[in-house]
Protein backbone atom coordinates (compact mmCIF):
# COMPACT_ATOMS: atom_id res chain seq x y z
CA MET A 1 0.49 -27.44 24.54
CA ARG A 2 0.69 -24.53 26.56
CA THR A 3 -1.10 -24.07 29.76
CA ALA A 4 -1.59 -19.88 28.99
CA PRO A 5 -3.32 -18.10 26.35
CA THR A 6 0.15 -16.65 25.44
CA ILE A 7 -0.11 -16.75 21.50
CA LEU A 8 -1.44 -13.68 20.29
CA HIS A 9 -3.02 -13.35 17.30
CA LEU A 10 -3.93 -9.63 15.98
CA ASP A 11 -6.07 -8.69 12.66
CA MET A 12 -6.40 -5.02 11.78
CA ASP A 13 -10.23 -4.19 11.54
CA ALA A 14 -11.07 -3.26 7.43
CA PHE A 15 -7.55 -2.38 7.22
CA PHE A 16 -7.34 -0.79 3.61
CA ALA A 17 -11.40 1.12 4.31
CA SER A 18 -10.48 1.71 7.39
CA ALA A 19 -7.13 3.60 6.84
CA GLU A 20 -8.81 5.38 4.17
CA GLN A 21 -11.52 6.87 6.00
CA ALA A 22 -8.75 7.84 8.64
CA SER A 23 -7.50 9.60 5.76
CA LYS A 24 -10.60 11.11 4.82
CA PRO A 25 -12.76 13.52 7.39
CA SER A 26 -15.47 13.06 4.94
CA LEU A 27 -15.89 9.23 4.56
CA ARG A 28 -15.67 8.67 8.22
CA GLY A 29 -19.12 6.47 8.79
CA LYS A 30 -19.75 6.13 4.96
CA ALA A 31 -19.28 3.03 3.26
CA VAL A 32 -15.95 2.82 1.61
CA VAL A 33 -14.79 0.10 -1.01
CA VAL A 34 -11.40 -0.60 -1.95
CA GLY A 35 -9.98 -2.35 -4.84
CA GLY A 36 -10.09 -2.50 -8.71
CA LEU A 37 -12.14 -0.35 -10.34
CA GLY A 38 -11.48 -1.33 -14.00
CA PRO A 39 -14.29 -3.93 -15.08
CA ARG A 40 -12.59 -6.57 -14.34
CA GLY A 41 -11.57 -5.51 -10.64
CA VAL A 42 -12.26 -6.69 -7.32
CA VAL A 43 -12.68 -5.90 -3.93
CA ALA A 44 -9.78 -6.26 -2.09
CA THR A 45 -11.75 -4.38 1.39
CA ALA A 46 -15.00 -2.98 2.19
CA SER A 47 -15.64 -1.28 5.32
CA TYR A 48 -17.86 -2.36 8.07
CA GLU A 49 -20.79 0.65 6.70
CA ALA A 50 -20.41 -1.46 3.27
CA ARG A 51 -20.67 -4.90 4.69
CA VAL A 52 -24.01 -3.99 5.45
CA PHE A 53 -25.21 -3.90 2.07
CA GLY A 54 -23.20 -7.75 1.60
CA VAL A 55 -19.59 -6.05 0.10
CA HIS A 56 -17.33 -7.70 1.14
CA SER A 57 -13.15 -9.13 0.01
CA ALA A 58 -12.53 -11.06 -3.15
CA MET A 59 -16.13 -9.69 -5.07
CA PRO A 60 -16.21 -7.97 -8.04
CA MET A 61 -16.16 -4.70 -8.17
CA ALA A 62 -19.44 -4.81 -10.62
CA GLN A 63 -21.52 -7.18 -8.03
CA ALA A 64 -20.28 -3.91 -5.18
CA ARG A 65 -21.00 -1.32 -7.34
CA ARG A 66 -24.63 -2.82 -7.18
CA LEU A 67 -25.27 -4.07 -3.67
CA ALA A 68 -24.25 -0.38 -2.39
CA PRO A 69 -24.21 2.08 -5.44
CA ASN A 70 -23.55 4.74 -2.75
CA ALA A 71 -20.42 3.77 -1.79
CA ALA A 72 -16.83 5.15 -2.20
CA TYR A 73 -15.24 3.44 -4.61
CA LEU A 74 -11.07 4.16 -3.99
CA VAL A 75 -8.31 2.61 -5.69
CA PRO A 76 -5.51 1.29 -3.13
CA ARG A 77 -2.75 3.39 -1.70
CA PHE A 78 -0.21 0.91 -1.03
CA THR A 79 2.55 3.60 0.00
CA LEU A 80 0.23 4.51 3.11
CA TYR A 81 -0.89 1.10 3.90
CA ARG A 82 2.55 -0.10 4.12
CA GLU A 83 4.03 2.58 6.64
CA VAL A 84 0.91 2.31 8.89
CA SER A 85 1.97 -1.64 8.95
CA GLU A 86 5.38 -1.09 9.71
CA GLN A 87 4.23 0.93 12.82
CA VAL A 88 1.94 -2.08 13.75
CA MET A 89 4.19 -4.46 13.21
CA GLY A 90 7.04 -2.51 15.33
CA LEU A 91 4.38 -2.76 17.84
CA LEU A 92 4.18 -6.09 18.18
CA ARG A 93 8.19 -6.97 18.01
CA ALA A 94 8.22 -4.31 20.90
CA LEU A 95 6.11 -7.20 22.75
CA SER A 96 8.42 -10.74 21.19
CA PRO A 97 10.93 -11.45 19.29
CA LEU A 98 8.47 -14.24 17.86
CA VAL A 99 6.36 -11.97 15.59
CA GLU A 100 5.19 -13.99 12.44
CA PRO A 101 3.54 -11.37 9.62
CA LEU A 102 0.91 -13.43 7.72
CA SER A 103 0.31 -9.96 5.55
CA LEU A 104 0.32 -6.07 5.90
CA ASP A 105 -2.38 -6.54 8.72
CA GLU A 106 -2.51 -9.60 10.24
CA ALA A 107 0.32 -11.22 12.63
CA PHE A 108 1.02 -14.06 15.18
CA VAL A 109 3.11 -13.03 18.36
CA ASP A 110 4.16 -15.38 20.83
CA LEU A 111 4.06 -13.04 24.08
CA GLU A 112 5.73 -15.84 26.27
CA ALA A 113 8.58 -15.57 24.42
CA GLY A 114 9.03 -12.02 25.07
CA GLU A 115 8.51 -12.43 28.66
CA ALA A 116 4.99 -9.97 28.16
CA ALA A 117 2.84 -12.94 29.34
CA TRP A 118 2.91 -15.66 31.49
CA ASP A 119 -0.64 -16.53 32.41
CA GLU A 120 -4.25 -15.14 31.36
CA ALA A 121 -4.28 -12.53 33.23
CA SER A 122 -0.80 -10.85 31.93
CA ALA A 123 -1.74 -12.56 28.44
CA ARG A 124 -5.24 -10.13 28.63
CA LEU A 125 -3.15 -6.72 29.99
CA ALA A 126 -0.79 -6.79 27.05
CA GLY A 127 -3.45 -7.12 24.34
CA ALA A 128 -5.40 -4.44 25.70
CA LYS A 129 -2.36 -2.18 25.88
CA LEU A 130 -1.82 -3.47 22.20
CA ARG A 131 -4.80 -2.15 21.07
CA ALA A 132 -4.82 1.35 23.00
CA ASP A 133 -0.84 1.87 21.33
CA ILE A 134 -2.35 0.78 18.32
CA ARG A 135 -5.01 3.23 18.08
CA ALA A 136 -3.04 6.29 19.32
CA VAL A 137 0.14 5.26 16.80
CA THR A 138 -2.33 4.51 14.00
CA GLY A 139 -5.36 6.52 14.67
CA LEU A 140 -7.32 2.88 14.02
CA THR A 141 -8.20 -0.44 15.34
CA GLY A 142 -7.73 -3.94 15.54
CA SER A 143 -8.96 -6.87 17.43
CA VAL A 144 -6.79 -9.35 19.20
CA GLY A 145 -7.33 -12.74 19.86
CA LEU A 146 -5.51 -14.75 22.59
CA ALA A 147 -5.35 -18.43 23.26
CA ALA A 148 -2.87 -21.76 23.43
CA SER A 149 -2.38 -22.29 19.47
CA LYS A 150 -2.38 -20.00 17.05
CA MET A 151 -5.33 -22.14 15.35
CA LEU A 152 -7.68 -21.16 18.46
CA ALA A 153 -5.60 -17.07 18.59
CA LYS A 154 -7.47 -16.83 15.23
CA ILE A 155 -10.57 -17.95 15.79
CA ALA A 156 -10.70 -15.93 18.81
CA SER A 157 -9.54 -12.51 16.75
CA GLU A 158 -12.48 -13.30 14.85
CA GLN A 159 -14.52 -13.03 17.30
CA ALA A 160 -13.55 -10.09 19.03
CA LYS A 161 -14.06 -8.08 15.49
CA PRO A 162 -14.62 -5.46 15.42
CA ASP A 163 -12.26 -3.49 17.50
CA GLY A 164 -11.92 -5.84 20.18
CA LEU A 165 -10.13 -8.18 22.52
CA VAL A 166 -11.40 -12.44 23.11
CA VAL A 167 -9.46 -14.72 25.20
CA ILE A 168 -9.65 -18.19 25.03
CA GLU A 169 -8.97 -20.21 28.33
CA PRO A 170 -7.27 -23.90 27.87
CA GLY A 171 -9.41 -26.43 28.56
CA THR A 172 -12.08 -24.41 27.36
CA GLU A 173 -11.54 -25.12 23.17
CA ARG A 174 -13.36 -28.31 22.47
CA ALA A 175 -16.26 -26.91 24.15
CA LEU A 176 -16.08 -23.60 22.21
CA LEU A 177 -15.46 -25.31 18.93
CA GLY A 178 -17.46 -28.35 18.53
CA PRO A 179 -20.53 -26.39 17.42
CA MET A 180 -18.83 -24.16 14.87
CA SER A 181 -18.73 -24.86 11.08
CA VAL A 182 -16.21 -27.22 9.77
CA ARG A 183 -15.08 -24.11 7.78
CA THR A 184 -13.66 -22.47 10.60
CA LEU A 185 -10.50 -25.11 10.75
CA PRO A 186 -7.62 -23.71 8.73
CA GLY A 187 -7.48 -25.78 5.12
CA VAL A 188 -11.18 -26.08 5.24
CA GLY A 189 -11.89 -24.61 2.20
CA PRO A 190 -15.35 -24.60 0.19
CA ALA A 191 -14.47 -27.39 -1.66
CA THR A 192 -13.31 -30.22 1.37
CA GLY A 193 -16.47 -28.11 3.07
CA ASP A 194 -18.34 -29.54 0.75
CA HIS A 195 -16.95 -33.10 0.60
CA LEU A 196 -17.23 -33.16 4.42
CA ARG A 197 -20.78 -32.30 4.12
CA ARG A 198 -21.85 -34.80 1.71
CA ALA A 199 -20.41 -37.38 4.27
CA GLY A 200 -23.16 -35.67 7.04
CA ILE A 201 -20.71 -33.77 8.40
CA THR A 202 -21.04 -30.31 9.20
CA THR A 203 -19.65 -29.12 12.62
CA VAL A 204 -16.12 -29.62 14.37
CA ASP A 205 -17.87 -31.66 16.59
CA GLU A 206 -18.88 -34.62 13.70
CA ILE A 207 -15.47 -34.20 12.69
CA ALA A 208 -14.08 -35.20 16.00
CA GLU A 209 -17.06 -38.00 16.18
CA ALA A 210 -16.01 -39.65 12.47
CA GLY A 211 -13.05 -40.63 13.81
CA GLU A 212 -9.62 -40.06 12.17
CA ASP A 213 -9.38 -43.83 9.92
CA GLU A 214 -12.54 -41.73 8.70
CA LEU A 215 -11.53 -38.55 7.82
CA VAL A 216 -8.58 -40.36 5.92
CA ARG A 217 -10.46 -42.06 4.08
CA LEU A 218 -13.20 -39.09 3.42
CA VAL A 219 -9.76 -36.82 2.78
CA GLY A 220 -6.56 -38.44 2.43
CA LYS A 221 -3.75 -39.63 4.83
CA ALA A 222 -2.32 -35.73 5.27
CA HIS A 223 -5.24 -33.78 5.36
CA GLY A 224 -7.32 -36.82 7.61
CA HIS A 225 -4.72 -36.54 10.05
CA ALA A 226 -4.77 -33.00 10.53
CA LEU A 227 -8.02 -32.41 10.54
CA TYR A 228 -8.33 -34.70 13.30
CA ALA A 229 -5.96 -33.03 15.54
CA MET A 230 -7.40 -29.84 15.10
CA ALA A 231 -10.64 -31.35 15.68
CA LEU A 232 -9.33 -31.93 19.49
CA ALA A 233 -8.08 -28.39 19.56
CA HIS A 234 -4.46 -30.03 19.25
CA ASP A 235 -2.35 -27.47 17.22
CA GLU A 236 1.81 -27.49 17.49
CA ARG A 237 2.73 -25.09 14.97
CA PRO A 238 5.30 -22.38 16.10
CA VAL A 239 5.23 -18.91 15.74
CA VAL A 240 8.21 -17.92 13.11
CA ALA A 241 9.65 -14.82 12.82
CA GLU A 242 11.05 -15.23 9.77
CA ARG A 243 9.44 -16.97 6.50
CA GLU A 244 12.02 -18.16 3.90
CA THR A 245 11.24 -16.13 0.56
CA LYS A 246 11.43 -18.45 -2.22
CA SER A 247 10.70 -15.81 -4.85
CA VAL A 248 10.51 -12.27 -6.15
CA SER A 249 7.32 -11.47 -8.36
CA VAL A 250 5.42 -8.86 -9.69
CA GLU A 251 1.83 -8.61 -11.79
CA ASP A 252 -0.12 -6.64 -13.24
CA THR A 253 -3.80 -7.01 -14.39
CA TYR A 254 -5.40 -4.78 -17.58
CA ASP A 255 -8.38 -3.79 -17.94
CA VAL A 256 -8.49 -4.32 -21.51
CA ASP A 257 -6.78 -7.05 -23.11
CA ILE A 258 -3.26 -6.16 -25.01
CA HIS A 259 -3.43 -7.16 -28.30
CA ASP A 260 -0.03 -4.69 -29.53
CA ARG A 261 2.98 -7.16 -29.41
CA MET A 262 5.28 -3.91 -28.74
CA ARG A 263 3.35 -2.88 -26.04
CA VAL A 264 3.72 -6.19 -24.50
CA GLY A 265 7.18 -5.87 -24.48
CA LEU A 266 7.06 -2.23 -23.26
CA GLU A 267 4.91 -3.42 -20.49
CA VAL A 268 7.31 -7.00 -19.71
CA GLN A 269 10.23 -4.21 -19.34
CA ARG A 270 8.42 -2.42 -17.07
CA LEU A 271 7.73 -5.67 -14.82
CA ALA A 272 11.29 -6.77 -14.87
CA ASP A 273 12.19 -3.39 -13.77
CA ARG A 274 10.16 -3.84 -10.63
CA CYS A 275 10.74 -6.80 -10.06
CA VAL A 276 14.39 -6.05 -9.79
CA ARG A 277 14.13 -3.02 -7.36
CA ARG A 278 11.79 -5.17 -5.22
CA LEU A 279 14.77 -7.80 -5.14
CA ARG A 280 17.44 -4.82 -4.38
CA ASP A 281 15.16 -3.89 -1.32
CA ALA A 282 15.10 -7.22 0.17
CA GLY A 283 18.79 -7.37 -0.40
CA LEU A 284 18.57 -10.90 -2.85
CA SER A 285 19.34 -12.38 -5.69
CA GLY A 286 18.12 -15.06 -7.97
CA ARG A 287 19.19 -17.29 -10.68
CA THR A 288 15.34 -18.69 -12.53
CA ILE A 289 13.54 -15.43 -14.02
CA VAL A 290 9.71 -16.62 -14.96
CA LEU A 291 7.49 -15.00 -17.27
CA LYS A 292 3.44 -15.46 -16.10
CA VAL A 293 0.81 -14.63 -19.55
CA ARG A 294 -2.96 -14.68 -18.99
CA ARG A 295 -3.93 -15.02 -22.10
CA TYR A 296 -8.06 -13.83 -23.57
CA ASP A 297 -9.33 -16.86 -23.11
CA PHE A 298 -8.21 -16.91 -19.41
CA SER A 299 -5.55 -20.05 -20.29
CA THR A 300 -2.16 -18.85 -17.91
CA LEU A 301 1.08 -19.95 -19.59
CA THR A 302 4.39 -20.12 -17.55
CA ARG A 303 7.98 -19.96 -18.73
CA SER A 304 11.02 -19.81 -16.84
CA GLU A 305 14.73 -19.71 -17.73
CA THR A 306 18.06 -20.58 -15.24
CA LEU A 307 21.07 -18.72 -15.36
CA ARG A 308 24.66 -19.86 -14.55
CA GLY A 309 24.42 -17.58 -11.71
CA PRO A 310 21.94 -14.94 -9.46
CA THR A 311 22.03 -12.05 -10.17
CA ASP A 312 20.29 -8.74 -9.27
CA ASP A 313 21.47 -7.14 -13.09
CA PRO A 314 17.77 -5.20 -14.50
CA GLY A 315 19.62 -5.55 -17.95
CA VAL A 316 19.57 -9.51 -17.87
CA VAL A 317 16.50 -9.83 -16.21
CA ARG A 318 14.96 -7.25 -18.88
CA GLU A 319 16.62 -9.59 -21.05
CA ALA A 320 15.86 -12.70 -19.59
CA ALA A 321 11.77 -11.67 -19.95
CA ALA A 322 12.20 -10.76 -23.66
CA ARG A 323 13.50 -13.86 -24.83
CA LEU A 324 11.07 -15.82 -22.82
CA LEU A 325 7.99 -13.64 -24.40
CA GLU A 326 9.49 -14.45 -27.97
CA ALA A 327 8.03 -18.28 -27.05
CA VAL A 328 4.70 -16.93 -26.00
CA ASP A 329 1.66 -16.35 -28.77
CA THR A 330 -0.04 -13.21 -27.57
CA THR A 331 -2.32 -12.97 -31.29
CA GLY A 332 -5.49 -13.41 -29.23
CA GLY A 333 -4.92 -10.37 -26.69
CA VAL A 334 -3.23 -10.62 -23.02
CA ARG A 335 -5.29 -9.59 -19.88
CA LEU A 336 -2.45 -10.12 -17.57
CA LEU A 337 1.89 -10.18 -17.06
CA GLY A 338 3.70 -11.14 -14.15
CA VAL A 339 7.54 -11.09 -14.19
CA GLY A 340 9.83 -13.00 -11.10
CA VAL A 341 12.67 -14.06 -9.91
CA SER A 342 13.36 -18.00 -7.92
CA GLY A 343 16.40 -19.91 -7.04
CA LEU A 344 16.80 -16.78 -4.71
CA ALA A 345 20.45 -15.90 -2.54
CA ASP A 346 21.75 -13.71 0.08
CA TYR A 347 23.10 -10.45 -1.74
CA THR A 348 26.80 -11.28 -1.76
CA GLN A 349 28.96 -8.89 -4.39
CA GLU A 350 27.67 -5.80 -6.51
CA ASP A 351 28.33 -5.89 -10.10
CA LEU A 352 29.84 -2.82 -10.09
CA PHE A 353 30.03 -2.59 -14.26
CA ALA A 354 26.49 -3.74 -14.77
CA GLN A 355 25.13 -1.22 -12.21
CA ALA A 356 27.35 1.53 -13.78
CA GLN A 357 25.76 0.76 -17.16
CA ALA A 358 22.25 0.52 -15.60
CA GLN A 359 23.00 4.17 -14.34
CA ALA A 360 24.77 5.82 -17.65
CA GLN A 361 21.07 3.89 -19.62
CA ALA A 362 18.78 5.51 -16.86
CA GLU A 363 20.28 9.42 -16.95
CA ALA A 364 20.61 9.18 -20.86
CA GLU A 365 16.61 8.46 -20.94
CA ALA A 366 16.01 11.14 -18.35
CA ALA A 367 17.70 14.09 -20.80
CA ALA A 368 16.48 12.10 -23.74
CA GLY A 369 13.22 13.17 -22.07
CA GLU A 370 11.74 9.27 -22.14
CA SER A 371 8.41 9.05 -19.57
CA ALA A 372 7.64 6.48 -17.87
CA VAL A 373 4.63 3.87 -18.51
CA LEU A 374 1.76 4.52 -16.24
CA GLU A 375 1.49 1.62 -14.19
CA HIS A 376 -2.24 -0.07 -13.69
CA PRO A 377 -3.71 -1.46 -10.57
CA ASP A 378 -3.04 -5.23 -9.89
CA GLU A 379 -6.49 -6.71 -8.81
CA GLU A 380 -5.07 -9.57 -6.84
CA GLY A 381 -2.27 -7.69 -5.09
CA ALA A 382 -0.91 -4.80 -6.94
CA GLU A 383 1.48 -2.72 -4.91
CA GLU A 384 2.08 0.72 -6.46
CA VAL A 385 -0.33 3.31 -9.16
CA ALA A 386 1.78 6.20 -9.79
CA ALA A 387 2.46 8.51 -12.43
CA GLU A 388 6.53 8.89 -13.01
CA GLN A 389 7.32 11.60 -14.97
CA ALA A 390 4.14 11.70 -17.50
CA PRO A 391 3.63 14.69 -19.27
CA PRO A 392 0.29 16.78 -17.77
CA ALA A 393 -1.52 15.60 -20.67
CA GLU A 394 -1.18 11.71 -20.32
CA ARG A 395 -1.56 12.36 -15.99
CA ARG A 396 -4.27 9.77 -14.28
CA TRP A 397 -6.40 10.39 -11.52
CA PRO A 398 -6.95 6.98 -9.40
CA ALA A 399 -9.60 7.82 -7.18
CA GLY A 400 -9.12 8.23 -3.68
CA HIS A 401 -5.36 9.13 -4.40
CA ASP A 402 -3.27 12.51 -2.74
CA VAL A 403 -2.85 15.45 -4.88
CA ARG A 404 -1.52 18.92 -3.80
CA HIS A 405 -2.37 22.10 -5.39
CA ALA A 406 -0.66 25.34 -5.36
CA GLU A 407 -3.60 27.30 -4.06
CA TYR A 408 -5.45 24.97 -1.55
CA GLY A 409 -3.72 22.25 -0.51
CA HIS A 410 -3.55 18.90 0.31
CA GLY A 411 -6.77 16.47 -1.70
CA TRP A 412 -7.87 13.57 -3.05
CA VAL A 413 -9.16 12.22 -6.31
CA GLN A 414 -12.91 11.89 -6.19
CA GLY A 415 -13.11 11.17 -9.88
CA SER A 416 -12.24 11.70 -12.75
CA GLY A 417 -13.11 11.57 -16.70
CA LEU A 418 -13.97 13.43 -19.86
CA GLY A 419 -10.85 16.12 -19.21
CA ARG A 420 -11.57 16.90 -15.37
CA VAL A 421 -10.72 15.70 -11.99
CA THR A 422 -12.99 16.36 -9.22
CA VAL A 423 -11.00 16.86 -5.93
CA ARG A 424 -12.15 17.58 -1.95
CA PHE A 425 -9.61 19.43 0.02
CA GLU A 426 -9.18 17.96 3.47
CA THR A 427 -6.46 16.18 5.21
CA PRO A 428 -6.81 13.24 8.62
CA TYR A 429 -6.40 16.50 10.88
CA SER A 430 -9.15 18.34 9.37
CA GLU A 431 -12.62 19.23 8.91
CA PRO A 432 -14.79 17.36 5.78
CA GLY A 433 -13.44 19.47 2.92
CA ARG A 434 -14.60 21.31 0.30
CA VAL A 435 -15.34 20.08 -3.84
CA ARG A 436 -13.69 21.48 -6.93
CA THR A 437 -12.99 20.53 -9.80
CA PHE A 438 -9.95 21.20 -12.50
CA ARG A 439 -8.70 20.41 -15.76
CA THR A 440 -6.41 17.15 -15.44
CA ASP A 441 -4.21 19.09 -17.47
CA ASP A 442 -3.96 21.68 -14.62
CA VAL A 443 -0.26 22.30 -14.07
CA ALA A 444 -1.53 23.64 -10.50
CA LEU A 445 -2.30 19.87 -9.45
CA GLU A 446 0.12 17.67 -8.77
CA LEU A 447 -0.01 14.11 -7.53
CA ALA A 448 1.17 14.01 -3.64
CA GLU A 449 2.44 11.83 -0.93
CA PRO A 450 0.03 10.19 1.29
CA LEU A 451 -0.18 12.52 4.84
CA PRO A 452 0.05 10.50 8.40
CA LEU A 453 -2.44 9.23 9.74
CA VAL A 454 -1.99 10.46 13.14
CA ARG A 455 0.15 14.27 12.82
CA GLY A 456 3.93 13.82 13.54
CA THR A 457 3.94 9.46 13.76
CA VAL A 458 5.45 8.84 10.01
CA CYS A 459 6.36 11.28 8.00
CA GLU A 460 8.83 13.86 9.79
CA ARG A 461 10.71 13.10 6.91
CA ARG A 462 8.39 14.62 4.19
CA GLY A 463 7.91 17.62 7.00
CA GLY A 464 4.47 16.74 7.83
């Protein structure tokens, strides 16, 4: 085990909500909830002001609205979050070649591997500089934990929240962990926690006192050995710079069950195209096409087909997904659809014929004036909400998303309905702006790209 706290864990504070507050001056210091806004929506992130009312991530959105009726409820803007995340990960990679991203807003860093720290003083200095750099580059705050292992570094960052830095000195780990709940340890969820509680084990100290044999008897061999080691503050897991991607997939959850078979088919085709875009962005291809269908009664079916060779051809993926759909009964309605590709391989040779066909088809559709199907936000991790090529009468205005008006400039959607859309005109660099209401088909109003949170840091390519 290391003798210095050179493993760093960064966790951006209430990331999605904080990004929205930084982007919208009128929401700073106020309760903000980001997530799916439909009847089945769930909270992705709540600002600290919203958490005072008991709102937290993974909570049903309907419950959040009851707890905090006056909060601002916004649809996620993943384009913005990804750009900010790339900035933060860039700062981390400047510290060390060993950076292990866990999500858009969380990562481990091995400071020793980058020679950024070698003892407590240098680690503390590196953590403080990182926090200052993140604020300067993104306008947001992050909490930093430093320890001799990944488990303890993550615990330290939780203690540091919000906007703090905590260092766990080697030799103090057992005393720190002892009184903590068993749920503090990785892998101890509600079910395992309840099982241990029924055996009279509620703290980390009590796990250590129970002994390894008793833990193996209670939770099984593999889990028992791991729990005992963690209770003794032993965690030898290294920071892994690259995680092997096993599959690429996309899925959407629908506010209202889809009953029309043709609509289901169109949704599957759209998801297949999105999945292929992600494949190509990652420079990958795959052999196995997977279709996921969650029906009206919450039963979930998964069907797959393995091809003779890896592909990233959208036509091939669409056809395979359509074949898989033919074997699924959707009579009662569908609430979720997903398309994925597994059996991944590095992209090695372009299929020029297939690409030419796809390009010709896209050009033909554009010439015919066909419009794209509007994407709905996925409650568990949707990546895009857009209205590509939709005619003005069908445009949707997701709450919180960016717009631009020919006369009033940049703003964001406060709400829409009954043929009207309400917009607050402000930018990350302005004072709180004025609110105006327009018809949803107003030709002077259009969806826009997010502005950078700090002027001149992200979007020079947009002319911002």
